[in-house]
Amino acid sequence: MEFAFLLIALVAEIIGTMAGFGSSTVALPLSLFLFDFPTALVLVAFLHISGNIGRITFFRHGLDTGILLTFGLPSVLFTLGGALLVGRTSPDLLEMILGVFLVAYTLLSWSGRFSLSRSTLTAVVGGAVSGFLAGLIGTGGALRGAFLNAFGLPKERYIATAAAIALAVDVTRLPVYLEQGLLAPRFYPLLPLIFAVALLGSFIGKQVVGRISQPVFRRVVLGAIGLIGLKFIHDWAT
């Protein structure tokens, strides 16, 4: 069971580094085949923290401190609210709404008929909504990516900034999960292995990112946003 999770974690982190988000969206549903929801939620949150540490390390020269503050602070505040509601709210409807938004955003962005404004308001709203969802349902990276994509950041800056925001979100929500007793002590020895696998996945993903152009990278990000949106809609429909 643990070995299967580590394989899932490695693949998820490679994908997450290439797109700048998505590792938890890949890892969480697959982990539910192995663990109950609370256990999977905490293990994937720790995976996400570890992977983001790796991305910040490997792309550390790309941080955009302005966006980090305007996007990151609302994310942290609203993540706490979402995390406190875990177990009290059904996430199904939220996932469906999020899925529809992400698919629509992807299609309209590809058509050139829609773009979010590059403004402080976009950063604040995007941070607040994506942070709340990250705390509540364990995944807000795709929505975070959609809002950050509006700023047209170079790929290294996009990945580093998204990782720093996500790390702040994860550090906020993980203690809340642990305080609620969502992870049994028998899983604690797995945490160092998750950390090592996450760093390896981030490193492999960095090598791939370094070999693709900026236009291709933006298409990868949009494609990942759309696919995750379709997955949310499919999960809700089934």
C-alpha atoms as a PDB file:
ATOM      1  CA  MET A   1       0.000   0.000   0.000  1.00  0.00           C
ATOM      2  CA  GLU A   2       2.741   2.469   0.998  1.00  0.00           C
ATOM      3  CA  PHE A   3       4.876   1.573  -2.037  1.00  0.00           C
ATOM      4  CA  ALA A   4       1.920   2.189  -4.353  1.00  0.00           C
ATOM      5  CA  PHE A   5       1.401   5.595  -2.760  1.00  0.00           C
ATOM      6  CA  LEU A   6       5.049   6.504  -3.302  1.00  0.00           C
ATOM      7  CA  LEU A   7       4.748   5.653  -7.004  1.00  0.00           C
ATOM      8  CA  ILE A   8       1.630   7.811  -7.227  1.00  0.00           C
ATOM      9  CA  ALA A   9       3.502  10.586  -5.422  1.00  0.00           C
ATOM     10  CA  LEU A  10       6.442  10.478  -7.858  1.00  0.00           C
ATOM     11  CA  VAL A  11       4.255  10.693 -10.968  1.00  0.00           C
ATOM     12  CA  ALA A  12       2.080  13.399  -9.409  1.00  0.00           C
ATOM     13  CA  GLU A  13       5.075  15.566  -8.540  1.00  0.00           C
ATOM     14  CA  ILE A  14       6.562  15.297 -12.031  1.00  0.00           C
ATOM     15  CA  ILE A  15       3.238  16.418 -13.515  1.00  0.00           C
ATOM     16  CA  GLY A  16       2.769  19.091 -10.851  1.00  0.00           C
ATOM     17  CA  THR A  17       6.204  20.600 -11.477  1.00  0.00           C
ATOM     18  CA  MET A  18       5.692  20.688 -15.247  1.00  0.00           C
ATOM     19  CA  ALA A  19       2.343  22.498 -14.935  1.00  0.00           C
ATOM     20  CA  GLY A  20       3.106  24.472 -11.778  1.00  0.00           C
ATOM     21  CA  PHE A  21       0.194  22.769  -9.991  1.00  0.00           C
ATOM     22  CA  GLY A  22      -1.844  19.579 -10.081  1.00  0.00           C
ATOM     23  CA  SER A  23       0.155  17.150  -7.959  1.00  0.00           C
ATOM     24  CA  SER A  24      -2.567  16.958  -5.301  1.00  0.00           C
ATOM     25  CA  THR A  25      -5.289  16.740  -7.954  1.00  0.00           C
ATOM     26  CA  VAL A  26      -3.550  13.689  -9.409  1.00  0.00           C
ATOM     27  CA  ALA A  27      -2.488  12.136  -6.106  1.00  0.00           C
ATOM     28  CA  LEU A  28      -5.607  12.624  -3.975  1.00  0.00           C
ATOM     29  CA  PRO A  29      -8.174  10.615  -6.003  1.00  0.00           C
ATOM     30  CA  LEU A  30      -5.671   7.808  -6.631  1.00  0.00           C
ATOM     31  CA  SER A  31      -4.758   7.723  -2.950  1.00  0.00           C
ATOM     32  CA  LEU A  32      -8.400   7.115  -2.076  1.00  0.00           C
ATOM     33  CA  PHE A  33      -8.006   3.621  -3.534  1.00  0.00           C
ATOM     34  CA  LEU A  34      -5.428   2.992  -0.795  1.00  0.00           C
ATOM     35  CA  PHE A  35      -6.545   5.031   2.215  1.00  0.00           C
ATOM     36  CA  ASP A  36      -9.636   6.621   3.714  1.00  0.00           C
ATOM     37  CA  PHE A  37     -10.256  10.284   2.854  1.00  0.00           C
ATOM     38  CA  PRO A  38      -8.752  11.882   6.000  1.00  0.00           C
ATOM     39  CA  THR A  39      -5.539   9.828   5.711  1.00  0.00           C
ATOM     40  CA  ALA A  40      -5.227  10.512   1.993  1.00  0.00           C
ATOM     41  CA  LEU A  41      -5.882  14.216   2.533  1.00  0.00           C
ATOM     42  CA  VAL A  42      -3.066  14.570   5.082  1.00  0.00           C
ATOM     43  CA  LEU A  43      -0.530  12.431   3.195  1.00  0.00           C
ATOM     44  CA  VAL A  44      -1.167  14.337  -0.031  1.00  0.00           C
ATOM     45  CA  ALA A  45      -0.916  17.644   1.827  1.00  0.00           C
ATOM     46  CA  PHE A  46       2.507  16.588   3.107  1.00  0.00           C
ATOM     47  CA  LEU A  47       3.452  15.479  -0.404  1.00  0.00           C
ATOM     48  CA  HIS A  48       2.391  18.879  -1.695  1.00  0.00           C
ATOM     49  CA  ILE A  49       4.497  20.680   0.915  1.00  0.00           C
ATOM     50  CA  SER A  50       7.529  18.563   0.033  1.00  0.00           C
ATOM     51  CA  GLY A  51       7.089  19.054  -3.694  1.00  0.00           C
ATOM     52  CA  ASN A  52       6.710  22.798  -3.338  1.00  0.00           C
ATOM     53  CA  ILE A  53       9.881  22.959  -1.269  1.00  0.00           C
ATOM     54  CA  GLY A  54      11.583  21.213  -4.175  1.00  0.00           C
ATOM     55  CA  ARG A  55      10.129  23.598  -6.778  1.00  0.00           C
ATOM     56  CA  ILE A  56      11.106  26.666  -4.782  1.00  0.00           C
ATOM     57  CA  THR A  57      14.610  25.262  -4.434  1.00  0.00           C
ATOM     58  CA  PHE A  58      15.023  24.396  -8.108  1.00  0.00           C
ATOM     59  CA  PHE A  59      13.346  27.587  -9.419  1.00  0.00           C
ATOM     60  CA  ARG A  60      14.347  29.910  -6.557  1.00  0.00           C
ATOM     61  CA  HIS A  61      15.537  32.729  -8.838  1.00  0.00           C
ATOM     62  CA  GLY A  62      12.064  33.177 -10.314  1.00  0.00           C
ATOM     63  CA  LEU A  63      10.002  34.326  -7.323  1.00  0.00           C
ATOM     64  CA  ASP A  64       7.693  37.299  -7.962  1.00  0.00           C
ATOM     65  CA  THR A  65       7.409  38.882  -4.520  1.00  0.00           C
ATOM     66  CA  GLY A  66       4.629  41.291  -5.530  1.00  0.00           C
ATOM     67  CA  ILE A  67       2.253  38.551  -6.644  1.00  0.00           C
ATOM     68  CA  LEU A  68       3.421  36.388  -3.751  1.00  0.00           C
ATOM     69  CA  LEU A  69       2.090  38.965  -1.285  1.00  0.00           C
ATOM     70  CA  THR A  70      -1.141  40.008  -3.012  1.00  0.00           C
ATOM     71  CA  PHE A  71      -2.073  36.430  -3.945  1.00  0.00           C
ATOM     72  CA  GLY A  72      -0.482  34.551  -1.055  1.00  0.00           C
ATOM     73  CA  LEU A  73      -1.874  36.424   1.942  1.00  0.00           C
ATOM     74  CA  PRO A  74      -5.558  35.943   0.982  1.00  0.00           C
ATOM     75  CA  SER A  75      -4.770  32.310   0.164  1.00  0.00           C
ATOM     76  CA  VAL A  76      -3.418  31.657   3.639  1.00  0.00           C
ATOM     77  CA  LEU A  77      -6.328  33.369   5.408  1.00  0.00           C
ATOM     78  CA  PHE A  78      -9.040  31.603   3.427  1.00  0.00           C
ATOM     79  CA  THR A  79      -7.243  28.243   3.555  1.00  0.00           C
ATOM     80  CA  LEU A  80      -7.637  28.270   7.310  1.00  0.00           C
ATOM     81  CA  GLY A  81     -11.376  28.784   6.957  1.00  0.00           C
ATOM     82  CA  GLY A  82     -11.694  25.974   4.445  1.00  0.00           C
ATOM     83  CA  ALA A  83      -9.617  23.564   6.545  1.00  0.00           C
ATOM     84  CA  LEU A  84     -11.794  24.194   9.595  1.00  0.00           C
ATOM     85  CA  LEU A  85     -14.840  23.095   7.580  1.00  0.00           C
ATOM     86  CA  VAL A  86     -13.399  19.709   6.540  1.00  0.00           C
ATOM     87  CA  GLY A  87     -15.836  17.003   7.600  1.00  0.00           C
ATOM     88  CA  ARG A  88     -18.731  19.448   7.857  1.00  0.00           C
ATOM     89  CA  THR A  89     -19.247  20.275   4.194  1.00  0.00           C
ATOM     90  CA  SER A  90     -19.848  18.061   1.159  1.00  0.00           C
ATOM     91  CA  PRO A  91     -17.288  19.023  -1.506  1.00  0.00           C
ATOM     92  CA  ASP A  92     -19.197  17.515  -4.454  1.00  0.00           C
ATOM     93  CA  LEU A  93     -21.070  20.638  -5.573  1.00  0.00           C
ATOM     94  CA  LEU A  94     -17.974  22.807  -5.144  1.00  0.00           C
ATOM     95  CA  GLU A  95     -15.937  20.447  -7.314  1.00  0.00           C
ATOM     96  CA  MET A  96     -18.595  20.522 -10.053  1.00  0.00           C
ATOM     97  CA  ILE A  97     -18.738  24.332 -10.080  1.00  0.00           C
ATOM     98  CA  LEU A  98     -14.951  24.511 -10.101  1.00  0.00           C
ATOM     99  CA  GLY A  99     -14.789  22.005 -12.953  1.00  0.00           C
ATOM    100  CA  VAL A 100     -17.212  23.990 -15.118  1.00  0.00           C
ATOM    101  CA  PHE A 101     -15.261  27.192 -14.491  1.00  0.00           C
ATOM    102  CA  LEU A 102     -11.918  25.601 -15.355  1.00  0.00           C
ATOM    103  CA  VAL A 103     -13.168  24.030 -18.597  1.00  0.00           C
ATOM    104  CA  ALA A 104     -14.847  27.281 -19.657  1.00  0.00           C
ATOM    105  CA  TYR A 105     -11.721  29.274 -18.793  1.00  0.00           C
ATOM    106  CA  THR A 106      -9.529  26.922 -20.827  1.00  0.00           C
ATOM    107  CA  LEU A 107     -11.744  26.986 -23.920  1.00  0.00           C
ATOM    108  CA  LEU A 108     -12.196  30.757 -23.850  1.00  0.00           C
ATOM    109  CA  SER A 109      -8.481  31.350 -23.258  1.00  0.00           C
ATOM    110  CA  TRP A 110      -7.538  29.151 -26.200  1.00  0.00           C
ATOM    111  CA  SER A 111     -10.058  30.982 -28.381  1.00  0.00           C
ATOM    112  CA  GLY A 112      -8.553  34.350 -27.388  1.00  0.00           C
ATOM    113  CA  ARG A 113     -11.963  35.673 -26.353  1.00  0.00           C
ATOM    114  CA  PHE A 114     -11.373  35.836 -22.638  1.00  0.00           C
ATOM    115  CA  SER A 115      -8.618  36.780 -20.247  1.00  0.00           C
ATOM    116  CA  LEU A 116      -8.507  37.780 -16.616  1.00  0.00           C
ATOM    117  CA  SER A 117      -7.162  41.248 -15.935  1.00  0.00           C
ATOM    118  CA  ARG A 118      -3.633  41.647 -14.607  1.00  0.00           C
ATOM    119  CA  SER A 119      -4.680  43.485 -11.475  1.00  0.00           C
ATOM    120  CA  THR A 120      -4.420  43.403  -7.712  1.00  0.00           C
ATOM    121  CA  LEU A 121      -8.106  42.471  -7.560  1.00  0.00           C
ATOM    122  CA  THR A 122      -7.465  39.393  -9.706  1.00  0.00           C
ATOM    123  CA  ALA A 123      -4.646  38.342  -7.388  1.00  0.00           C
ATOM    124  CA  VAL A 124      -6.665  38.890  -4.203  1.00  0.00           C
ATOM    125  CA  VAL A 125      -9.814  37.127  -5.442  1.00  0.00           C
ATOM    126  CA  GLY A 126      -7.811  34.287  -6.993  1.00  0.00           C
ATOM    127  CA  GLY A 127      -5.841  33.810  -3.798  1.00  0.00           C
ATOM    128  CA  ALA A 128      -8.915  33.829  -1.579  1.00  0.00           C
ATOM    129  CA  VAL A 129     -11.019  31.408  -3.635  1.00  0.00           C
ATOM    130  CA  SER A 130      -8.213  28.963  -4.464  1.00  0.00           C
ATOM    131  CA  GLY A 131      -7.019  29.015  -0.844  1.00  0.00           C
ATOM    132  CA  PHE A 132     -10.490  28.262   0.505  1.00  0.00           C
ATOM    133  CA  LEU A 133     -10.892  25.319  -1.859  1.00  0.00           C
ATOM    134  CA  ALA A 134      -7.423  24.009  -1.021  1.00  0.00           C
ATOM    135  CA  GLY A 135      -8.327  23.952   2.658  1.00  0.00           C
ATOM    136  CA  LEU A 136     -11.775  22.454   2.123  1.00  0.00           C
ATOM    137  CA  ILE A 137     -11.296  19.820  -0.586  1.00  0.00           C
ATOM    138  CA  GLY A 138      -7.515  19.459  -0.653  1.00  0.00           C
ATOM    139  CA  THR A 139      -6.945  20.901  -4.112  1.00  0.00           C
ATOM    140  CA  GLY A 140      -7.000  24.494  -5.309  1.00  0.00           C
ATOM    141  CA  GLY A 141      -3.982  24.481  -7.592  1.00  0.00           C
ATOM    142  CA  ALA A 142      -5.852  24.456 -10.893  1.00  0.00           C
ATOM    143  CA  LEU A 143      -7.869  27.528  -9.936  1.00  0.00           C
ATOM    144  CA  ARG A 144      -4.694  29.164  -8.625  1.00  0.00           C
ATOM    145  CA  GLY A 145      -3.072  28.378 -11.966  1.00  0.00           C
ATOM    146  CA  ALA A 146      -5.960  29.909 -13.897  1.00  0.00           C
ATOM    147  CA  PHE A 147      -5.642  33.204 -12.013  1.00  0.00           C
ATOM    148  CA  LEU A 148      -1.834  33.264 -12.094  1.00  0.00           C
ATOM    149  CA  ASN A 149      -1.908  32.512 -15.823  1.00  0.00           C
ATOM    150  CA  ALA A 150      -3.490  35.944 -16.324  1.00  0.00           C
ATOM    151  CA  PHE A 151      -0.216  37.627 -15.363  1.00  0.00           C
ATOM    152  CA  GLY A 152       1.754  36.075 -18.228  1.00  0.00           C
ATOM    153  CA  LEU A 153       4.710  35.133 -16.033  1.00  0.00           C
ATOM    154  CA  PRO A 154       7.771  33.453 -17.576  1.00  0.00           C
ATOM    155  CA  LYS A 155       7.696  29.733 -16.827  1.00  0.00           C
ATOM    156  CA  GLU A 156      10.395  29.776 -14.120  1.00  0.00           C
ATOM    157  CA  ARG A 157       8.728  32.702 -12.327  1.00  0.00           C
ATOM    158  CA  TYR A 158       5.292  31.120 -12.678  1.00  0.00           C
ATOM    159  CA  ILE A 159       6.413  27.807 -11.159  1.00  0.00           C
ATOM    160  CA  ALA A 160       8.406  29.388  -8.316  1.00  0.00           C
ATOM    161  CA  THR A 161       5.657  31.856  -7.389  1.00  0.00           C
ATOM    162  CA  ALA A 162       2.886  29.253  -7.560  1.00  0.00           C
ATOM    163  CA  ALA A 163       4.971  26.904  -5.420  1.00  0.00           C
ATOM    164  CA  ALA A 164       5.628  29.565  -2.773  1.00  0.00           C
ATOM    165  CA  ILE A 165       1.911  30.409  -2.549  1.00  0.00           C
ATOM    166  CA  ALA A 166       0.978  26.731  -2.400  1.00  0.00           C
ATOM    167  CA  LEU A 167       3.576  26.114   0.315  1.00  0.00           C
ATOM    168  CA  ALA A 168       2.084  28.884   2.465  1.00  0.00           C
ATOM    169  CA  VAL A 169      -1.372  27.358   1.953  1.00  0.00           C
ATOM    170  CA  ASP A 170      -0.191  23.854   2.848  1.00  0.00           C
ATOM    171  CA  VAL A 171       1.703  24.974   5.959  1.00  0.00           C
ATOM    172  CA  THR A 172      -1.547  26.626   7.070  1.00  0.00           C
ATOM    173  CA  ARG A 173      -3.871  23.678   6.512  1.00  0.00           C
ATOM    174  CA  LEU A 174      -1.683  20.714   7.521  1.00  0.00           C
ATOM    175  CA  PRO A 175      -1.510  21.592  11.268  1.00  0.00           C
ATOM    176  CA  VAL A 176      -5.298  21.966  11.286  1.00  0.00           C
ATOM    177  CA  TYR A 177      -5.675  18.470   9.823  1.00  0.00           C
ATOM    178  CA  LEU A 178      -3.195  17.019  12.331  1.00  0.00           C
ATOM    179  CA  GLU A 179      -4.851  18.795  15.251  1.00  0.00           C
ATOM    180  CA  GLN A 180      -8.112  17.121  14.241  1.00  0.00           C
ATOM    181  CA  GLY A 181      -6.381  13.724  14.391  1.00  0.00           C
ATOM    182  CA  LEU A 182      -6.818  12.962  10.692  1.00  0.00           C
ATOM    183  CA  LEU A 183      -3.531  10.994  10.402  1.00  0.00           C
ATOM    184  CA  ALA A 184      -2.844   7.872  12.476  1.00  0.00           C
ATOM    185  CA  PRO A 185       0.649   7.700  14.052  1.00  0.00           C
ATOM    186  CA  ARG A 186       1.421   4.483  12.159  1.00  0.00           C
ATOM    187  CA  PHE A 187       1.796   6.565   8.986  1.00  0.00           C
ATOM    188  CA  TYR A 188       4.445   8.897  10.440  1.00  0.00           C
ATOM    189  CA  PRO A 189       7.410   6.748   9.225  1.00  0.00           C
ATOM    190  CA  LEU A 190       6.102   7.211   5.676  1.00  0.00           C
ATOM    191  CA  LEU A 191       6.597  10.986   5.773  1.00  0.00           C
ATOM    192  CA  PRO A 192      10.407  11.082   5.181  1.00  0.00           C
ATOM    193  CA  LEU A 193       9.974   8.786   2.173  1.00  0.00           C
ATOM    194  CA  ILE A 194       7.272  11.066   0.775  1.00  0.00           C
ATOM    195  CA  PHE A 195       9.623  14.021   1.162  1.00  0.00           C
ATOM    196  CA  ALA A 196      12.412  12.258  -0.741  1.00  0.00           C
ATOM    197  CA  VAL A 197      10.106  11.113  -3.549  1.00  0.00           C
ATOM    198  CA  ALA A 198       8.638  14.617  -3.879  1.00  0.00           C
ATOM    199  CA  LEU A 199      12.090  16.148  -4.304  1.00  0.00           C
ATOM    200  CA  LEU A 200      12.944  13.558  -6.945  1.00  0.00           C
ATOM    201  CA  GLY A 201       9.710  14.261  -8.825  1.00  0.00           C
ATOM    202  CA  SER A 202      10.330  18.015  -8.700  1.00  0.00           C
ATOM    203  CA  PHE A 203      13.852  17.539 -10.028  1.00  0.00           C
ATOM    204  CA  ILE A 204      12.670  15.377 -12.955  1.00  0.00           C
ATOM    205  CA  GLY A 205       9.925  17.881 -13.735  1.00  0.00           C
ATOM    206  CA  LYS A 206      12.467  20.711 -13.769  1.00  0.00           C
ATOM    207  CA  GLN A 207      14.521  18.898 -16.400  1.00  0.00           C
ATOM    208  CA  VAL A 208      11.448  18.632 -18.641  1.00  0.00           C
ATOM    209  CA  VAL A 209      10.480  22.296 -18.135  1.00  0.00           C
ATOM    210  CA  GLY A 210      13.989  23.371 -19.124  1.00  0.00           C
ATOM    211  CA  ARG A 211      13.575  21.691 -22.505  1.00  0.00           C
ATOM    212  CA  ILE A 212      10.287  23.277 -23.590  1.00  0.00           C
ATOM    213  CA  SER A 213       9.618  26.809 -24.870  1.00  0.00           C
ATOM    214  CA  GLN A 214       7.475  29.447 -23.151  1.00  0.00           C
ATOM    215  CA  PRO A 215       4.544  29.115 -25.654  1.00  0.00           C
ATOM    216  CA  VAL A 216       4.536  25.338 -25.230  1.00  0.00           C
ATOM    217  CA  PHE A 217       4.678  25.750 -21.467  1.00  0.00           C
ATOM    218  CA  ARG A 218       1.602  28.019 -21.499  1.00  0.00           C
ATOM    219  CA  ARG A 219      -0.270  25.449 -23.581  1.00  0.00           C
ATOM    220  CA  VAL A 220       0.726  22.752 -21.096  1.00  0.00           C
ATOM    221  CA  VAL A 221      -0.651  24.867 -18.240  1.00  0.00           C
ATOM    222  CA  LEU A 222      -3.935  25.564 -20.045  1.00  0.00           C
ATOM    223  CA  GLY A 223      -4.277  21.921 -21.036  1.00  0.00           C
ATOM    224  CA  ALA A 224      -3.718  20.814 -17.446  1.00  0.00           C
ATOM    225  CA  ILE A 225      -6.327  23.298 -16.196  1.00  0.00           C
ATOM    226  CA  GLY A 226      -8.877  21.984 -18.698  1.00  0.00           C
ATOM    227  CA  LEU A 227      -8.190  18.317 -17.940  1.00  0.00           C
ATOM    228  CA  ILE A 228      -8.529  18.859 -14.216  1.00  0.00           C
ATOM    229  CA  GLY A 229     -11.800  20.695 -14.817  1.00  0.00           C
ATOM    230  CA  LEU A 230     -13.112  17.742 -16.837  1.00  0.00           C
ATOM    231  CA  LYS A 231     -12.050  15.381 -14.073  1.00  0.00           C
ATOM    232  CA  PHE A 232     -13.989  17.366 -11.468  1.00  0.00           C
ATOM    233  CA  ILE A 233     -17.105  17.337 -13.672  1.00  0.00           C
ATOM    234  CA  HIS A 234     -16.731  13.596 -14.307  1.00  0.00           C
ATOM    235  CA  ASP A 235     -16.318  12.849 -10.606  1.00  0.00           C
ATOM    236  CA  TRP A 236     -19.441  14.845  -9.793  1.00  0.00           C
ATOM    237  CA  ALA A 237     -21.484  13.174 -12.554  1.00  0.00           C
ATOM    238  CA  THR A 238     -20.509   9.682 -11.424  1.00  0.00           C
END
